[in-house]
Amino acid sequence: MKISLDELIFNIKNLKIGQKILLSGIVYTARDAAHRRIIDLLDSGNKSKIPFDLNNSAIYYCGPTATSPGKIVGSCGPTTSSRMDIFTPRLLKEGVKILIGKGDRSKEVQRSIKENSAIYFVATGGVAALISKSITKADLIAFEDLGPEAVYKFEIKDMPVIVAIDSNGNNIF
């Protein structure tokens, strides 16, 4: 099923675990260090300094490699999502709706996904070069000093993902 992230926000309740999706739209990359900085900004009352609007946003747990000449982005496969579990409930409460990564999530994150009507997709690990072909535009938008853990804004087209935890809290794992 092909779906844009904008459509997904309004149809999130219709997606069920195991569904294969070709996702298109805007996603923001963030890994451990970027998550820590975003949480620190929230805790310090500096929400306006967060590099993107958290409300209805999509976060892709990835750190792209260096871009080769003539390419939009380097390899950018998913990283293990459970490393972000300590930050995820707070981000979901702040309005993040879509998470993309690999691997299972904690019971707390599963509960938070359900409570906040969010969704968690898994992208296949080990196919980073293939996934990069779904990215039509990549812009570094924050925390450049973090290198591959900086926050990027990706425009994606037909990125293959699978619903791993749906908005009702059902878990494929």
N, C-alpha and C. Protein backbone atom coordinates (compact mmCIF):
# COMPACT_ATOMS: atom_id res chain seq x y z
N MET A 1 0.84 -1.17 0.00
CA MET A 1 0.00 0.00 0.00
C MET A 1 0.89 1.24 0.00
N LYS A 2 0.64 2.17 -0.90
CA LYS A 2 1.34 3.44 -0.94
C LYS A 2 0.57 4.45 -0.10
N ILE A 3 1.31 5.22 0.71
CA ILE A 3 0.66 6.24 1.52
C ILE A 3 1.63 7.37 1.83
N SER A 4 1.11 8.58 1.81
CA SER A 4 1.94 9.72 2.18
C SER A 4 1.85 9.91 3.70
N LEU A 5 2.86 10.52 4.26
CA LEU A 5 2.84 10.78 5.70
C LEU A 5 1.69 11.69 6.08
N ASP A 6 1.34 12.63 5.23
CA ASP A 6 0.19 13.51 5.51
C ASP A 6 -1.10 12.71 5.60
N GLU A 7 -1.30 11.79 4.66
CA GLU A 7 -2.49 10.94 4.69
C GLU A 7 -2.47 10.02 5.91
N LEU A 8 -1.29 9.54 6.23
CA LEU A 8 -1.13 8.59 7.32
C LEU A 8 -1.61 9.18 8.65
N ILE A 9 -1.31 10.44 8.89
CA ILE A 9 -1.71 11.09 10.14
C ILE A 9 -3.23 10.96 10.33
N PHE A 10 -3.99 11.11 9.25
CA PHE A 10 -5.45 11.05 9.34
C PHE A 10 -5.99 9.63 9.30
N ASN A 11 -5.18 8.68 8.88
CA ASN A 11 -5.62 7.29 8.75
C ASN A 11 -4.84 6.33 9.64
N ILE A 12 -4.17 6.86 10.63
CA ILE A 12 -3.27 6.05 11.45
C ILE A 12 -3.98 4.87 12.10
N LYS A 13 -5.23 5.06 12.47
CA LYS A 13 -6.00 3.99 13.14
C LYS A 13 -6.33 2.84 12.19
N ASN A 14 -6.24 3.08 10.88
CA ASN A 14 -6.59 2.05 9.90
C ASN A 14 -5.45 1.08 9.61
N LEU A 15 -4.24 1.43 9.99
CA LEU A 15 -3.10 0.56 9.71
C LEU A 15 -2.96 -0.50 10.79
N LYS A 16 -2.64 -1.71 10.39
CA LYS A 16 -2.55 -2.84 11.31
C LYS A 16 -1.19 -3.52 11.19
N ILE A 17 -0.78 -4.17 12.27
CA ILE A 17 0.53 -4.81 12.27
C ILE A 17 0.66 -5.76 11.08
N GLY A 18 1.88 -5.80 10.56
CA GLY A 18 2.18 -6.68 9.44
C GLY A 18 1.94 -6.06 8.07
N GLN A 19 1.21 -4.94 8.02
CA GLN A 19 0.96 -4.31 6.71
C GLN A 19 2.26 -3.77 6.13
N LYS A 20 2.44 -4.02 4.85
CA LYS A 20 3.60 -3.49 4.13
C LYS A 20 3.18 -2.17 3.50
N ILE A 21 4.01 -1.16 3.72
CA ILE A 21 3.70 0.19 3.29
C ILE A 21 4.85 0.75 2.46
N LEU A 22 4.52 1.53 1.44
CA LEU A 22 5.49 2.35 0.73
C LEU A 22 5.21 3.78 1.16
N LEU A 23 6.07 4.32 1.98
CA LEU A 23 5.85 5.59 2.66
C LEU A 23 6.51 6.73 1.90
N SER A 24 5.80 7.85 1.79
CA SER A 24 6.33 9.04 1.12
C SER A 24 6.04 10.27 1.97
N GLY A 25 6.96 11.23 1.94
CA GLY A 25 6.76 12.47 2.68
C GLY A 25 8.05 12.92 3.36
N ILE A 26 7.89 13.67 4.44
CA ILE A 26 9.03 14.23 5.18
C ILE A 26 9.26 13.44 6.46
N VAL A 27 10.49 12.98 6.66
CA VAL A 27 10.91 12.36 7.92
C VAL A 27 12.16 13.06 8.41
N TYR A 28 12.36 13.02 9.71
CA TYR A 28 13.54 13.61 10.32
C TYR A 28 14.36 12.50 10.95
N THR A 29 15.66 12.52 10.71
CA THR A 29 16.51 11.51 11.31
C THR A 29 16.90 11.96 12.71
N ALA A 30 17.01 11.00 13.59
CA ALA A 30 17.48 11.29 14.95
C ALA A 30 17.88 9.97 15.60
N ARG A 31 19.07 10.00 16.17
CA ARG A 31 19.55 8.85 16.94
C ARG A 31 19.76 9.30 18.38
N ASP A 32 20.47 8.53 19.14
CA ASP A 32 20.64 8.73 20.58
C ASP A 32 21.02 10.16 20.97
N ALA A 33 22.12 10.65 20.41
CA ALA A 33 22.63 11.96 20.81
C ALA A 33 21.66 13.08 20.45
N ALA A 34 21.04 13.00 19.29
CA ALA A 34 20.06 14.02 18.89
C ALA A 34 18.84 13.96 19.79
N HIS A 35 18.40 12.76 20.14
CA HIS A 35 17.27 12.61 21.05
C HIS A 35 17.59 13.28 22.40
N ARG A 36 18.78 13.05 22.91
CA ARG A 36 19.18 13.64 24.18
C ARG A 36 19.12 15.16 24.10
N ARG A 37 19.60 15.74 23.01
CA ARG A 37 19.57 17.20 22.86
C ARG A 37 18.14 17.73 22.76
N ILE A 38 17.30 17.02 22.05
CA ILE A 38 15.91 17.46 21.93
C ILE A 38 15.22 17.41 23.29
N ILE A 39 15.44 16.35 24.04
CA ILE A 39 14.85 16.25 25.39
C ILE A 39 15.41 17.35 26.28
N ASP A 40 16.70 17.63 26.20
CA ASP A 40 17.30 18.71 27.00
C ASP A 40 16.66 20.06 26.65
N LEU A 41 16.40 20.30 25.37
CA LEU A 41 15.73 21.54 24.96
C LEU A 41 14.31 21.61 25.53
N LEU A 42 13.60 20.50 25.51
CA LEU A 42 12.26 20.47 26.10
C LEU A 42 12.33 20.74 27.60
N ASP A 43 13.27 20.06 28.28
CA ASP A 43 13.40 20.21 29.73
C ASP A 43 13.78 21.63 30.14
N SER A 44 14.54 22.31 29.29
CA SER A 44 14.99 23.66 29.63
C SER A 44 14.01 24.75 29.17
N GLY A 45 12.89 24.32 28.60
CA GLY A 45 11.89 25.29 28.15
C GLY A 45 12.23 25.95 26.83
N ASN A 46 13.15 25.38 26.08
CA ASN A 46 13.58 25.94 24.79
C ASN A 46 12.99 25.16 23.61
N LYS A 47 11.72 24.86 23.69
CA LYS A 47 11.06 24.08 22.63
C LYS A 47 11.21 24.74 21.27
N SER A 48 11.26 26.06 21.24
CA SER A 48 11.38 26.77 19.96
C SER A 48 12.72 26.52 19.27
N LYS A 49 13.70 26.00 20.01
CA LYS A 49 15.02 25.72 19.42
C LYS A 49 15.13 24.30 18.87
N ILE A 50 14.07 23.52 19.02
CA ILE A 50 14.07 22.18 18.44
C ILE A 50 14.02 22.36 16.92
N PRO A 51 14.84 21.63 16.18
CA PRO A 51 15.02 21.90 14.75
C PRO A 51 13.83 21.57 13.84
N PHE A 52 12.80 20.96 14.37
CA PHE A 52 11.59 20.70 13.58
C PHE A 52 10.40 20.63 14.52
N ASP A 53 9.24 20.85 13.96
CA ASP A 53 8.00 20.80 14.75
C ASP A 53 7.71 19.34 15.10
N LEU A 54 7.65 19.05 16.37
CA LEU A 54 7.40 17.67 16.80
C LEU A 54 5.97 17.22 16.50
N ASN A 55 5.04 18.14 16.45
CA ASN A 55 3.64 17.79 16.26
C ASN A 55 3.41 17.11 14.90
N ASN A 56 2.86 15.91 14.95
CA ASN A 56 2.56 15.09 13.77
C ASN A 56 3.80 14.75 12.94
N SER A 57 4.96 14.75 13.56
CA SER A 57 6.19 14.48 12.81
C SER A 57 6.53 13.00 12.77
N ALA A 58 7.47 12.68 11.88
CA ALA A 58 7.97 11.32 11.72
C ALA A 58 9.47 11.32 12.00
N ILE A 59 9.91 10.41 12.86
CA ILE A 59 11.33 10.29 13.17
C ILE A 59 11.83 8.95 12.66
N TYR A 60 12.91 9.01 11.90
CA TYR A 60 13.57 7.83 11.36
C TYR A 60 14.88 7.67 12.11
N TYR A 61 15.01 6.55 12.82
CA TYR A 61 16.22 6.28 13.58
C TYR A 61 17.32 5.82 12.64
N CYS A 62 18.10 6.78 12.18
CA CYS A 62 19.18 6.44 11.25
C CYS A 62 20.26 7.50 11.30
N GLY A 63 21.45 7.12 10.93
CA GLY A 63 22.56 8.05 10.81
C GLY A 63 23.19 7.82 9.45
N PRO A 64 22.89 8.67 8.49
CA PRO A 64 23.39 8.45 7.13
C PRO A 64 24.91 8.53 7.05
N THR A 65 25.47 7.71 6.18
CA THR A 65 26.91 7.76 5.95
C THR A 65 27.21 8.92 4.99
N ALA A 66 28.49 9.17 4.79
CA ALA A 66 28.91 10.25 3.89
C ALA A 66 28.30 10.05 2.51
N THR A 67 27.96 11.15 1.89
CA THR A 67 27.33 11.12 0.57
C THR A 67 28.40 11.03 -0.51
N SER A 68 28.24 10.07 -1.40
CA SER A 68 29.14 9.92 -2.53
C SER A 68 28.79 10.95 -3.59
N PRO A 69 29.77 11.35 -4.42
CA PRO A 69 29.49 12.31 -5.50
C PRO A 69 28.33 11.82 -6.37
N GLY A 70 27.42 12.74 -6.68
CA GLY A 70 26.29 12.41 -7.54
C GLY A 70 25.11 11.76 -6.82
N LYS A 71 25.24 11.52 -5.52
CA LYS A 71 24.16 10.90 -4.75
C LYS A 71 23.49 11.94 -3.85
N ILE A 72 22.26 11.68 -3.46
CA ILE A 72 21.52 12.57 -2.57
C ILE A 72 21.96 12.36 -1.13
N VAL A 73 22.21 11.10 -0.78
CA VAL A 73 22.59 10.73 0.58
C VAL A 73 23.38 9.43 0.53
N GLY A 74 24.17 9.19 1.55
CA GLY A 74 24.87 7.91 1.65
C GLY A 74 23.92 6.83 2.13
N SER A 75 24.47 5.69 2.46
CA SER A 75 23.65 4.61 3.02
C SER A 75 22.97 5.10 4.28
N CYS A 76 21.74 4.70 4.47
CA CYS A 76 21.00 5.21 5.64
C CYS A 76 19.96 4.20 6.11
N GLY A 77 20.46 3.09 6.56
CA GLY A 77 19.57 2.07 7.09
C GLY A 77 19.14 2.38 8.51
N PRO A 78 18.14 1.67 8.99
CA PRO A 78 17.63 1.91 10.34
C PRO A 78 18.61 1.44 11.40
N THR A 79 18.59 2.13 12.53
CA THR A 79 19.38 1.68 13.68
C THR A 79 18.43 1.07 14.70
N THR A 80 18.98 0.38 15.67
CA THR A 80 18.19 -0.29 16.69
C THR A 80 17.37 0.71 17.49
N SER A 81 16.08 0.57 17.42
CA SER A 81 15.15 1.54 18.01
C SER A 81 15.14 1.53 19.53
N SER A 82 15.40 0.40 20.14
CA SER A 82 15.30 0.31 21.60
C SER A 82 16.25 1.27 22.31
N ARG A 83 17.30 1.70 21.64
CA ARG A 83 18.22 2.67 22.26
C ARG A 83 17.53 4.02 22.50
N MET A 84 16.46 4.29 21.77
CA MET A 84 15.73 5.54 21.93
C MET A 84 14.54 5.41 22.88
N ASP A 85 14.32 4.23 23.43
CA ASP A 85 13.14 3.98 24.26
C ASP A 85 13.04 4.90 25.47
N ILE A 86 14.16 5.31 26.03
CA ILE A 86 14.10 6.20 27.21
C ILE A 86 13.57 7.59 26.84
N PHE A 87 13.68 7.97 25.58
CA PHE A 87 13.23 9.29 25.12
C PHE A 87 11.84 9.26 24.46
N THR A 88 11.46 8.12 23.93
CA THR A 88 10.29 8.02 23.06
C THR A 88 8.97 8.44 23.70
N PRO A 89 8.63 7.98 24.90
CA PRO A 89 7.33 8.40 25.47
C PRO A 89 7.19 9.93 25.55
N ARG A 90 8.25 10.61 25.90
CA ARG A 90 8.19 12.08 25.99
C ARG A 90 7.95 12.69 24.61
N LEU A 91 8.64 12.19 23.60
CA LEU A 91 8.48 12.73 22.25
C LEU A 91 7.07 12.45 21.70
N LEU A 92 6.54 11.28 22.01
CA LEU A 92 5.18 10.97 21.58
C LEU A 92 4.18 11.89 22.27
N LYS A 93 4.41 12.17 23.54
CA LYS A 93 3.54 13.09 24.28
C LYS A 93 3.61 14.49 23.69
N GLU A 94 4.75 14.85 23.12
CA GLU A 94 4.94 16.17 22.49
C GLU A 94 4.36 16.23 21.08
N GLY A 95 3.86 15.09 20.56
CA GLY A 95 3.18 15.12 19.27
C GLY A 95 3.77 14.29 18.16
N VAL A 96 4.96 13.69 18.36
CA VAL A 96 5.51 12.81 17.33
C VAL A 96 4.52 11.68 17.10
N LYS A 97 4.25 11.34 15.85
CA LYS A 97 3.25 10.32 15.52
C LYS A 97 3.81 9.08 14.85
N ILE A 98 4.95 9.23 14.17
CA ILE A 98 5.47 8.14 13.36
C ILE A 98 6.92 7.89 13.73
N LEU A 99 7.23 6.63 14.01
CA LEU A 99 8.58 6.21 14.35
C LEU A 99 9.00 5.14 13.35
N ILE A 100 10.25 5.21 12.89
CA ILE A 100 10.76 4.22 11.94
C ILE A 100 12.12 3.77 12.41
N GLY A 101 12.31 2.47 12.52
CA GLY A 101 13.59 1.93 12.96
C GLY A 101 13.65 0.45 12.72
N LYS A 102 14.35 -0.25 13.62
CA LYS A 102 14.36 -1.71 13.54
C LYS A 102 14.35 -2.29 14.95
N GLY A 103 13.74 -3.44 15.07
CA GLY A 103 13.70 -4.15 16.35
C GLY A 103 12.50 -3.80 17.20
N ASP A 104 12.32 -4.59 18.25
CA ASP A 104 11.20 -4.46 19.16
C ASP A 104 11.37 -3.24 20.06
N ARG A 105 10.29 -2.83 20.71
CA ARG A 105 10.28 -1.69 21.62
C ARG A 105 9.86 -2.16 23.00
N SER A 106 10.18 -1.36 24.01
CA SER A 106 9.84 -1.69 25.39
C SER A 106 8.32 -1.63 25.60
N LYS A 107 7.87 -2.25 26.68
CA LYS A 107 6.43 -2.21 27.04
C LYS A 107 5.99 -0.76 27.24
N GLU A 108 6.84 0.08 27.84
CA GLU A 108 6.50 1.48 28.06
C GLU A 108 6.27 2.21 26.73
N VAL A 109 7.13 1.97 25.76
CA VAL A 109 6.97 2.60 24.45
C VAL A 109 5.71 2.08 23.77
N GLN A 110 5.46 0.78 23.86
CA GLN A 110 4.25 0.22 23.25
C GLN A 110 3.01 0.88 23.84
N ARG A 111 2.98 1.05 25.16
CA ARG A 111 1.85 1.72 25.83
C ARG A 111 1.71 3.16 25.35
N SER A 112 2.85 3.83 25.24
CA SER A 112 2.85 5.23 24.83
C SER A 112 2.39 5.40 23.38
N ILE A 113 2.76 4.47 22.52
CA ILE A 113 2.29 4.50 21.13
C ILE A 113 0.76 4.43 21.11
N LYS A 114 0.21 3.53 21.90
CA LYS A 114 -1.25 3.39 21.97
C LYS A 114 -1.89 4.64 22.57
N GLU A 115 -1.37 5.12 23.68
CA GLU A 115 -1.94 6.29 24.37
C GLU A 115 -1.92 7.54 23.50
N ASN A 116 -0.93 7.65 22.62
CA ASN A 116 -0.77 8.86 21.81
C ASN A 116 -1.19 8.66 20.36
N SER A 117 -1.86 7.55 20.06
CA SER A 117 -2.32 7.24 18.70
C SER A 117 -1.20 7.43 17.68
N ALA A 118 -0.09 6.80 17.96
CA ALA A 118 1.09 6.87 17.08
C ALA A 118 1.25 5.52 16.39
N ILE A 119 2.36 5.36 15.68
CA ILE A 119 2.63 4.10 14.98
C ILE A 119 4.14 3.91 14.87
N TYR A 120 4.56 2.65 14.88
CA TYR A 120 5.97 2.30 14.75
C TYR A 120 6.13 1.38 13.55
N PHE A 121 6.97 1.82 12.62
CA PHE A 121 7.30 1.01 11.44
C PHE A 121 8.70 0.45 11.59
N VAL A 122 8.92 -0.73 11.05
CA VAL A 122 10.27 -1.25 10.93
C VAL A 122 10.67 -1.19 9.47
N ALA A 123 11.93 -0.83 9.28
CA ALA A 123 12.55 -0.88 7.96
C ALA A 123 13.57 -2.00 8.03
N THR A 124 13.77 -2.68 6.96
CA THR A 124 14.66 -3.83 6.97
C THR A 124 16.11 -3.40 7.16
N GLY A 125 16.75 -3.95 8.17
CA GLY A 125 18.16 -3.68 8.39
C GLY A 125 19.00 -4.40 7.35
N GLY A 126 20.20 -3.90 7.11
CA GLY A 126 21.11 -4.55 6.16
C GLY A 126 20.89 -4.14 4.72
N VAL A 127 19.93 -3.27 4.46
CA VAL A 127 19.67 -2.83 3.09
C VAL A 127 19.79 -1.30 3.01
N ALA A 128 20.74 -0.75 3.73
CA ALA A 128 20.89 0.71 3.84
C ALA A 128 21.06 1.38 2.48
N ALA A 129 21.83 0.77 1.60
CA ALA A 129 22.05 1.37 0.28
C ALA A 129 20.75 1.37 -0.52
N LEU A 130 19.96 0.32 -0.38
CA LEU A 130 18.68 0.23 -1.08
C LEU A 130 17.69 1.27 -0.55
N ILE A 131 17.62 1.41 0.77
CA ILE A 131 16.71 2.39 1.36
C ILE A 131 17.07 3.80 0.91
N SER A 132 18.37 4.08 0.77
CA SER A 132 18.78 5.42 0.37
C SER A 132 18.20 5.83 -0.98
N LYS A 133 17.83 4.86 -1.80
CA LYS A 133 17.22 5.17 -3.09
C LYS A 133 15.80 5.73 -2.94
N SER A 134 15.20 5.58 -1.76
CA SER A 134 13.86 6.13 -1.50
C SER A 134 13.94 7.60 -1.11
N ILE A 135 15.13 8.10 -0.86
CA ILE A 135 15.30 9.47 -0.40
C ILE A 135 15.52 10.37 -1.60
N THR A 136 14.62 11.33 -1.78
CA THR A 136 14.70 12.21 -2.94
C THR A 136 15.38 13.54 -2.61
N LYS A 137 15.46 13.86 -1.32
CA LYS A 137 16.14 15.09 -0.90
C LYS A 137 16.60 14.90 0.53
N ALA A 138 17.79 15.42 0.86
CA ALA A 138 18.33 15.32 2.22
C ALA A 138 18.98 16.64 2.59
N ASP A 139 18.55 17.21 3.72
CA ASP A 139 19.12 18.46 4.21
C ASP A 139 19.52 18.30 5.67
N LEU A 140 20.75 18.67 5.98
CA LEU A 140 21.21 18.71 7.37
C LEU A 140 20.54 19.92 8.01
N ILE A 141 19.78 19.71 9.11
CA ILE A 141 19.06 20.84 9.70
C ILE A 141 19.49 21.18 11.13
N ALA A 142 20.22 20.28 11.81
CA ALA A 142 20.61 20.60 13.20
C ALA A 142 21.69 19.67 13.72
N PHE A 143 22.41 20.18 14.70
CA PHE A 143 23.40 19.42 15.46
C PHE A 143 24.50 18.83 14.56
N GLU A 144 25.01 19.65 13.66
CA GLU A 144 26.03 19.21 12.70
C GLU A 144 27.23 18.58 13.40
N ASP A 145 27.55 19.07 14.60
CA ASP A 145 28.70 18.54 15.34
C ASP A 145 28.55 17.06 15.70
N LEU A 146 27.34 16.51 15.58
CA LEU A 146 27.12 15.10 15.90
C LEU A 146 27.46 14.17 14.73
N GLY A 147 27.91 14.74 13.63
CA GLY A 147 28.27 13.91 12.47
C GLY A 147 27.08 13.12 11.97
N PRO A 148 27.22 11.80 11.84
CA PRO A 148 26.10 11.00 11.32
C PRO A 148 24.87 11.02 12.23
N GLU A 149 25.04 11.45 13.47
CA GLU A 149 23.89 11.53 14.39
C GLU A 149 23.21 12.89 14.35
N ALA A 150 23.63 13.76 13.46
CA ALA A 150 22.96 15.05 13.28
C ALA A 150 21.53 14.81 12.81
N VAL A 151 20.71 15.83 12.86
CA VAL A 151 19.33 15.72 12.40
C VAL A 151 19.27 16.16 10.94
N TYR A 152 18.71 15.27 10.12
CA TYR A 152 18.49 15.54 8.71
C TYR A 152 17.00 15.56 8.43
N LYS A 153 16.64 16.34 7.45
CA LYS A 153 15.28 16.33 6.93
C LYS A 153 15.34 15.58 5.61
N PHE A 154 14.65 14.46 5.53
CA PHE A 154 14.60 13.66 4.32
C PHE A 154 13.23 13.79 3.68
N GLU A 155 13.22 13.95 2.37
CA GLU A 155 12.01 13.74 1.59
C GLU A 155 12.13 12.33 1.05
N ILE A 156 11.14 11.50 1.37
CA ILE A 156 11.20 10.10 0.93
C ILE A 156 10.06 9.81 -0.04
N LYS A 157 10.32 8.85 -0.90
CA LYS A 157 9.29 8.41 -1.84
C LYS A 157 9.31 6.88 -1.89
N ASP A 158 8.20 6.29 -1.52
CA ASP A 158 8.02 4.84 -1.57
C ASP A 158 9.08 4.08 -0.75
N MET A 159 9.34 4.55 0.46
CA MET A 159 10.26 3.85 1.36
C MET A 159 9.53 2.62 1.92
N PRO A 160 10.11 1.43 1.72
CA PRO A 160 9.43 0.21 2.18
C PRO A 160 9.56 0.04 3.70
N VAL A 161 8.41 -0.05 4.37
CA VAL A 161 8.35 -0.27 5.81
C VAL A 161 7.22 -1.24 6.12
N ILE A 162 7.24 -1.77 7.34
CA ILE A 162 6.19 -2.68 7.80
C ILE A 162 5.66 -2.14 9.13
N VAL A 163 4.35 -2.18 9.31
CA VAL A 163 3.76 -1.76 10.58
C VAL A 163 4.15 -2.79 11.63
N ALA A 164 4.92 -2.34 12.64
CA ALA A 164 5.38 -3.24 13.69
C ALA A 164 4.57 -3.08 14.97
N ILE A 165 4.20 -1.84 15.31
CA ILE A 165 3.29 -1.59 16.43
C ILE A 165 2.26 -0.59 15.93
N ASP A 166 0.99 -1.04 15.92
CA ASP A 166 -0.04 -0.15 15.40
C ASP A 166 -0.58 0.75 16.53
N SER A 167 -1.46 1.65 16.17
CA SER A 167 -1.96 2.64 17.12
C SER A 167 -2.84 2.04 18.21
N ASN A 168 -3.20 0.77 18.07
CA ASN A 168 -3.94 0.07 19.11
C ASN A 168 -3.02 -0.68 20.06
N GLY A 169 -1.72 -0.57 19.83
CA GLY A 169 -0.74 -1.22 20.69
C GLY A 169 -0.40 -2.65 20.31
N ASN A 170 -0.96 -3.14 19.21
CA ASN A 170 -0.62 -4.50 18.76
C ASN A 170 0.80 -4.51 18.25
N ASN A 171 1.54 -5.57 18.58
CA ASN A 171 2.97 -5.63 18.31
C ASN A 171 3.29 -6.87 17.48
N ILE A 172 3.94 -6.68 16.34
CA ILE A 172 4.32 -7.79 15.47
C ILE A 172 5.36 -8.71 16.11
N PHE A 173 6.09 -8.18 17.07
CA PHE A 173 7.13 -8.96 17.71
C PHE A 173 6.55 -9.90 18.76
